[in-house]
Amino acid sequence: MRDCNQCGKCCLHYADGGLVATAEEIDAWEEHRPDIFRFVHKEQIWCSPEDGQALTRCPWLQGLGTPYTCGIYADRPQDCRSYPVTVTDMIRDECEMIELKDLNNLSKAQAELRLRG
């Protein structure tokens, strides 16, 4: 399994309503990071500050292609911190960390991923 090359596919795939933040994260953003909190609406993250509608792209994803960067990397939600969880997710999301050797032995790849986590 390769190291993350910041391809951004996970950010692009999950930024349209597929992410959640804990109440603690939202409370911390409200208190310490109002710039992040303004994209929270009714406990849903990455919503338009103007109308509360879910955004189709993470507002913190910066760049036009590999590598992408995260504008709130140190304060990103746990969902982002813990990705990837399963090799199946990585395959579905076309994660560029996955290699042919991983596809040939999914259980070994999953064990390696757990060790990285």
N, C-alpha and C. Protein backbone atom coordinates (compact mmCIF):
# COMPACT_ATOMS: atom_id res chain seq x y z
N MET A 1 0.85 -1.17 0.00
CA MET A 1 0.00 0.00 0.00
C MET A 1 0.90 1.24 0.00
N ARG A 2 0.55 2.17 -0.88
CA ARG A 2 1.32 3.41 -0.96
C ARG A 2 0.91 4.36 0.15
N ASP A 3 1.77 5.35 0.39
CA ASP A 3 1.39 6.45 1.27
C ASP A 3 0.40 7.34 0.52
N CYS A 4 -0.39 8.08 1.25
CA CYS A 4 -1.34 9.00 0.64
C CYS A 4 -0.60 10.02 -0.21
N ASN A 5 -1.07 10.23 -1.44
CA ASN A 5 -0.46 11.22 -2.33
C ASN A 5 -1.34 12.47 -2.47
N GLN A 6 -2.34 12.57 -1.60
CA GLN A 6 -3.25 13.72 -1.58
C GLN A 6 -4.00 13.87 -2.90
N CYS A 7 -4.46 12.74 -3.45
CA CYS A 7 -5.20 12.80 -4.71
C CYS A 7 -6.54 13.51 -4.55
N GLY A 8 -7.07 13.54 -3.32
CA GLY A 8 -8.31 14.26 -3.06
C GLY A 8 -9.58 13.48 -3.38
N LYS A 9 -9.45 12.26 -3.85
CA LYS A 9 -10.64 11.50 -4.24
C LYS A 9 -11.57 11.25 -3.06
N CYS A 10 -11.01 11.00 -1.88
CA CYS A 10 -11.87 10.80 -0.71
C CYS A 10 -12.61 12.10 -0.37
N CYS A 11 -11.92 13.22 -0.47
CA CYS A 11 -12.55 14.52 -0.18
C CYS A 11 -13.63 14.82 -1.20
N LEU A 12 -13.37 14.54 -2.45
CA LEU A 12 -14.35 14.79 -3.50
C LEU A 12 -15.55 13.86 -3.36
N HIS A 13 -15.29 12.63 -2.96
CA HIS A 13 -16.36 11.63 -2.86
C HIS A 13 -17.29 11.88 -1.67
N TYR A 14 -16.73 12.27 -0.54
CA TYR A 14 -17.52 12.35 0.69
C TYR A 14 -17.95 13.75 1.08
N ALA A 15 -17.53 14.76 0.39
CA ALA A 15 -17.79 16.13 0.82
C ALA A 15 -19.21 16.60 0.55
N ASP A 16 -20.00 15.82 -0.15
CA ASP A 16 -21.35 16.27 -0.49
C ASP A 16 -22.40 15.63 0.42
N GLY A 17 -22.19 15.76 1.72
CA GLY A 17 -23.16 15.25 2.67
C GLY A 17 -22.82 13.89 3.23
N GLY A 18 -21.72 13.31 2.82
CA GLY A 18 -21.35 12.00 3.30
C GLY A 18 -20.55 12.01 4.59
N LEU A 19 -20.22 13.18 5.10
CA LEU A 19 -19.42 13.28 6.31
C LEU A 19 -20.27 13.73 7.49
N VAL A 20 -19.84 13.31 8.66
CA VAL A 20 -20.46 13.79 9.88
C VAL A 20 -19.37 14.31 10.81
N ALA A 21 -19.78 15.14 11.72
CA ALA A 21 -18.87 15.62 12.75
C ALA A 21 -19.54 15.35 14.09
N THR A 22 -18.73 15.11 15.10
CA THR A 22 -19.28 14.87 16.42
C THR A 22 -19.78 16.20 17.01
N ALA A 23 -20.63 16.08 18.00
CA ALA A 23 -21.12 17.28 18.69
C ALA A 23 -19.95 18.04 19.31
N GLU A 24 -18.95 17.31 19.78
CA GLU A 24 -17.78 17.94 20.38
C GLU A 24 -17.00 18.73 19.34
N GLU A 25 -16.85 18.17 18.14
CA GLU A 25 -16.15 18.88 17.08
C GLU A 25 -16.90 20.16 16.70
N ILE A 26 -18.21 20.04 16.55
CA ILE A 26 -19.02 21.20 16.18
C ILE A 26 -18.95 22.27 17.27
N ASP A 27 -19.03 21.85 18.53
CA ASP A 27 -18.93 22.81 19.63
C ASP A 27 -17.56 23.50 19.64
N ALA A 28 -16.51 22.74 19.37
CA ALA A 28 -15.15 23.33 19.34
C ALA A 28 -15.03 24.32 18.20
N TRP A 29 -15.59 23.98 17.04
CA TRP A 29 -15.55 24.92 15.92
C TRP A 29 -16.32 26.19 16.25
N GLU A 30 -17.48 26.02 16.88
CA GLU A 30 -18.28 27.19 17.22
C GLU A 30 -17.50 28.14 18.14
N GLU A 31 -16.80 27.55 19.09
CA GLU A 31 -16.07 28.36 20.06
C GLU A 31 -14.74 28.89 19.53
N HIS A 32 -13.99 28.02 18.84
CA HIS A 32 -12.62 28.38 18.47
C HIS A 32 -12.39 28.62 16.97
N ARG A 33 -13.27 28.10 16.14
CA ARG A 33 -13.07 28.22 14.69
C ARG A 33 -14.39 28.61 14.00
N PRO A 34 -14.85 29.83 14.23
CA PRO A 34 -16.11 30.26 13.61
C PRO A 34 -16.06 30.20 12.08
N ASP A 35 -14.86 30.27 11.51
CA ASP A 35 -14.73 30.15 10.06
C ASP A 35 -15.18 28.76 9.59
N ILE A 36 -14.93 27.74 10.38
CA ILE A 36 -15.39 26.40 10.06
C ILE A 36 -16.87 26.26 10.42
N PHE A 37 -17.22 26.74 11.59
CA PHE A 37 -18.60 26.59 12.09
C PHE A 37 -19.62 27.21 11.15
N ARG A 38 -19.27 28.22 10.42
CA ARG A 38 -20.25 28.85 9.52
C ARG A 38 -20.72 27.90 8.42
N PHE A 39 -20.01 26.79 8.20
CA PHE A 39 -20.40 25.79 7.21
C PHE A 39 -21.18 24.63 7.84
N VAL A 40 -21.65 24.83 9.08
CA VAL A 40 -22.47 23.83 9.78
C VAL A 40 -23.90 24.36 9.81
N HIS A 41 -24.85 23.48 9.49
CA HIS A 41 -26.26 23.85 9.53
C HIS A 41 -27.04 22.68 10.10
N LYS A 42 -27.70 22.91 11.21
CA LYS A 42 -28.51 21.86 11.87
C LYS A 42 -27.70 20.58 12.05
N GLU A 43 -26.50 20.73 12.57
CA GLU A 43 -25.57 19.64 12.88
C GLU A 43 -25.07 18.87 11.65
N GLN A 44 -25.32 19.39 10.46
CA GLN A 44 -24.77 18.82 9.23
C GLN A 44 -23.59 19.70 8.82
N ILE A 45 -22.54 19.06 8.33
CA ILE A 45 -21.36 19.84 7.95
C ILE A 45 -21.28 20.02 6.45
N TRP A 46 -20.58 21.06 6.09
CA TRP A 46 -20.30 21.50 4.75
C TRP A 46 -21.57 21.91 4.03
N CYS A 47 -22.25 22.85 4.68
CA CYS A 47 -23.46 23.46 4.13
C CYS A 47 -23.18 24.93 3.80
N SER A 48 -23.93 25.43 2.86
CA SER A 48 -23.79 26.83 2.48
C SER A 48 -24.15 27.74 3.64
N PRO A 49 -23.29 28.69 3.98
CA PRO A 49 -23.61 29.64 5.04
C PRO A 49 -24.82 30.52 4.68
N GLU A 50 -25.08 30.68 3.39
CA GLU A 50 -26.18 31.54 2.95
C GLU A 50 -27.54 30.87 3.09
N ASP A 51 -27.68 29.62 2.64
CA ASP A 51 -29.00 29.00 2.63
C ASP A 51 -29.09 27.65 3.35
N GLY A 52 -27.97 27.17 3.90
CA GLY A 52 -27.98 25.91 4.65
C GLY A 52 -28.01 24.66 3.79
N GLN A 53 -27.98 24.81 2.48
CA GLN A 53 -27.99 23.65 1.60
C GLN A 53 -26.62 22.98 1.59
N ALA A 54 -26.63 21.65 1.46
CA ALA A 54 -25.37 20.90 1.42
C ALA A 54 -24.55 21.33 0.21
N LEU A 55 -23.27 21.54 0.43
CA LEU A 55 -22.36 21.87 -0.66
C LEU A 55 -22.00 20.59 -1.42
N THR A 56 -21.63 20.73 -2.65
CA THR A 56 -21.24 19.56 -3.45
C THR A 56 -19.74 19.33 -3.42
N ARG A 57 -19.02 20.25 -2.79
CA ARG A 57 -17.57 20.11 -2.66
C ARG A 57 -17.17 20.67 -1.31
N CYS A 58 -16.24 20.02 -0.67
CA CYS A 58 -15.75 20.48 0.63
C CYS A 58 -15.20 21.90 0.48
N PRO A 59 -15.63 22.82 1.33
CA PRO A 59 -15.13 24.18 1.21
C PRO A 59 -13.67 24.33 1.60
N TRP A 60 -13.10 23.29 2.17
CA TRP A 60 -11.72 23.37 2.65
C TRP A 60 -10.74 22.65 1.73
N LEU A 61 -11.24 22.02 0.68
CA LEU A 61 -10.38 21.34 -0.27
C LEU A 61 -9.75 22.38 -1.18
N GLN A 62 -8.44 22.46 -1.14
CA GLN A 62 -7.73 23.50 -1.88
C GLN A 62 -6.87 22.86 -2.97
N GLY A 63 -6.81 23.50 -4.08
CA GLY A 63 -6.03 23.03 -5.21
C GLY A 63 -6.93 22.61 -6.34
N LEU A 64 -6.32 22.43 -7.48
CA LEU A 64 -7.08 22.06 -8.68
C LEU A 64 -6.79 20.64 -9.12
N GLY A 65 -6.05 19.92 -8.33
CA GLY A 65 -5.70 18.54 -8.67
C GLY A 65 -4.57 18.09 -7.79
N THR A 66 -4.13 16.86 -8.01
CA THR A 66 -3.10 16.27 -7.17
C THR A 66 -1.88 17.15 -7.15
N PRO A 67 -1.33 17.52 -6.02
CA PRO A 67 -1.91 17.22 -4.72
C PRO A 67 -2.92 18.29 -4.29
N TYR A 68 -3.94 17.82 -3.64
CA TYR A 68 -4.88 18.73 -2.98
C TYR A 68 -4.34 19.00 -1.58
N THR A 69 -4.81 20.04 -0.97
CA THR A 69 -4.51 20.26 0.44
C THR A 69 -5.81 20.55 1.17
N CYS A 70 -5.76 20.37 2.47
CA CYS A 70 -6.92 20.60 3.32
C CYS A 70 -6.70 21.90 4.08
N GLY A 71 -7.62 22.83 3.92
CA GLY A 71 -7.49 24.11 4.57
C GLY A 71 -7.71 24.08 6.07
N ILE A 72 -8.25 22.97 6.58
CA ILE A 72 -8.48 22.83 8.03
C ILE A 72 -7.88 21.53 8.55
N TYR A 73 -6.77 21.12 7.98
CA TYR A 73 -6.20 19.80 8.28
C TYR A 73 -6.11 19.52 9.78
N ALA A 74 -5.62 20.45 10.57
CA ALA A 74 -5.47 20.21 12.02
C ALA A 74 -6.81 20.15 12.73
N ASP A 75 -7.84 20.73 12.14
CA ASP A 75 -9.17 20.76 12.78
C ASP A 75 -10.23 20.03 11.98
N ARG A 76 -9.82 19.16 11.07
CA ARG A 76 -10.78 18.42 10.24
C ARG A 76 -11.56 17.43 11.10
N PRO A 77 -12.75 17.03 10.65
CA PRO A 77 -13.55 16.10 11.44
C PRO A 77 -12.93 14.70 11.51
N GLN A 78 -13.34 13.97 12.52
CA GLN A 78 -12.83 12.62 12.71
C GLN A 78 -13.07 11.73 11.49
N ASP A 79 -14.20 11.92 10.81
CA ASP A 79 -14.44 11.15 9.59
C ASP A 79 -13.28 11.29 8.62
N CYS A 80 -12.77 12.48 8.48
CA CYS A 80 -11.64 12.72 7.57
C CYS A 80 -10.35 12.12 8.13
N ARG A 81 -10.17 12.26 9.42
CA ARG A 81 -8.96 11.74 10.07
C ARG A 81 -8.84 10.23 9.94
N SER A 82 -9.96 9.53 9.98
CA SER A 82 -9.92 8.08 10.02
C SER A 82 -9.98 7.42 8.64
N TYR A 83 -10.18 8.18 7.58
CA TYR A 83 -10.22 7.59 6.25
C TYR A 83 -8.81 7.19 5.82
N PRO A 84 -8.63 6.06 5.19
CA PRO A 84 -9.60 5.02 4.86
C PRO A 84 -9.73 4.00 5.98
N VAL A 85 -10.92 3.46 6.10
CA VAL A 85 -11.19 2.46 7.13
C VAL A 85 -11.11 1.06 6.55
N THR A 86 -11.64 0.90 5.35
CA THR A 86 -11.61 -0.44 4.74
C THR A 86 -11.02 -0.37 3.34
N VAL A 87 -10.42 -1.47 2.94
CA VAL A 87 -9.88 -1.58 1.59
C VAL A 87 -11.03 -1.51 0.59
N THR A 88 -12.18 -2.03 0.96
CA THR A 88 -13.36 -1.95 0.08
C THR A 88 -13.72 -0.51 -0.22
N ASP A 89 -13.66 0.35 0.80
CA ASP A 89 -13.90 1.78 0.58
C ASP A 89 -12.87 2.35 -0.39
N MET A 90 -11.64 1.97 -0.20
CA MET A 90 -10.56 2.49 -1.04
C MET A 90 -10.76 2.09 -2.50
N ILE A 91 -11.18 0.86 -2.71
CA ILE A 91 -11.42 0.38 -4.07
C ILE A 91 -12.59 1.15 -4.69
N ARG A 92 -13.67 1.26 -3.95
CA ARG A 92 -14.85 1.97 -4.44
C ARG A 92 -14.52 3.42 -4.78
N ASP A 93 -13.70 4.06 -3.94
CA ASP A 93 -13.36 5.48 -4.09
C ASP A 93 -12.19 5.71 -5.04
N GLU A 94 -11.64 4.63 -5.60
CA GLU A 94 -10.49 4.70 -6.50
C GLU A 94 -9.29 5.38 -5.83
N CYS A 95 -9.13 5.10 -4.54
CA CYS A 95 -8.02 5.65 -3.77
C CYS A 95 -6.70 5.24 -4.40
N GLU A 96 -5.81 6.21 -4.54
CA GLU A 96 -4.53 5.95 -5.19
C GLU A 96 -3.49 5.32 -4.27
N MET A 97 -3.88 5.07 -3.01
CA MET A 97 -2.98 4.36 -2.10
C MET A 97 -2.94 2.87 -2.43
N ILE A 98 -4.01 2.36 -3.01
CA ILE A 98 -4.14 0.93 -3.26
C ILE A 98 -3.21 0.52 -4.42
N GLU A 99 -2.61 -0.64 -4.28
CA GLU A 99 -1.72 -1.17 -5.31
C GLU A 99 -2.24 -2.52 -5.77
N LEU A 100 -1.71 -2.99 -6.88
CA LEU A 100 -2.12 -4.28 -7.43
C LEU A 100 -1.91 -5.39 -6.42
N LYS A 101 -0.79 -5.34 -5.69
CA LYS A 101 -0.53 -6.39 -4.69
C LYS A 101 -1.61 -6.39 -3.61
N ASP A 102 -2.18 -5.21 -3.31
CA ASP A 102 -3.26 -5.14 -2.33
C ASP A 102 -4.53 -5.79 -2.87
N LEU A 103 -4.80 -5.57 -4.14
CA LEU A 103 -5.99 -6.15 -4.76
C LEU A 103 -5.88 -7.66 -4.84
N ASN A 104 -4.66 -8.15 -4.93
CA ASN A 104 -4.45 -9.60 -5.01
C ASN A 104 -4.54 -10.29 -3.66
N ASN A 105 -4.48 -9.53 -2.57
CA ASN A 105 -4.58 -10.11 -1.24
C ASN A 105 -5.29 -9.10 -0.32
N LEU A 106 -6.60 -9.07 -0.43
CA LEU A 106 -7.39 -8.06 0.29
C LEU A 106 -7.27 -8.19 1.80
N SER A 107 -7.19 -9.40 2.31
CA SER A 107 -7.09 -9.55 3.77
C SER A 107 -5.76 -9.02 4.29
N LYS A 108 -4.69 -9.24 3.55
CA LYS A 108 -3.39 -8.70 3.95
C LYS A 108 -3.41 -7.17 3.86
N ALA A 109 -4.02 -6.64 2.82
CA ALA A 109 -4.11 -5.19 2.65
C ALA A 109 -4.94 -4.58 3.79
N GLN A 110 -6.02 -5.24 4.17
CA GLN A 110 -6.85 -4.73 5.27
C GLN A 110 -6.07 -4.74 6.58
N ALA A 111 -5.28 -5.79 6.81
CA ALA A 111 -4.45 -5.86 8.01
C ALA A 111 -3.42 -4.72 8.01
N GLU A 112 -2.82 -4.45 6.88
CA GLU A 112 -1.84 -3.35 6.78
C GLU A 112 -2.53 -2.01 7.06
N LEU A 113 -3.72 -1.86 6.53
CA LEU A 113 -4.46 -0.62 6.75
C LEU A 113 -4.78 -0.42 8.22
N ARG A 114 -5.16 -1.51 8.91
CA ARG A 114 -5.42 -1.41 10.37
C ARG A 114 -4.18 -0.98 11.12
N LEU A 115 -3.03 -1.47 10.72
CA LEU A 115 -1.77 -1.10 11.38
C LEU A 115 -1.46 0.38 11.16
N ARG A 116 -1.81 0.90 10.02
CA ARG A 116 -1.56 2.32 9.72
C ARG A 116 -2.48 3.22 10.54
N GLY A 117 -3.69 2.72 10.82
CA GLY A 117 -4.72 3.52 11.45
C GLY A 117 -4.42 3.91 12.83
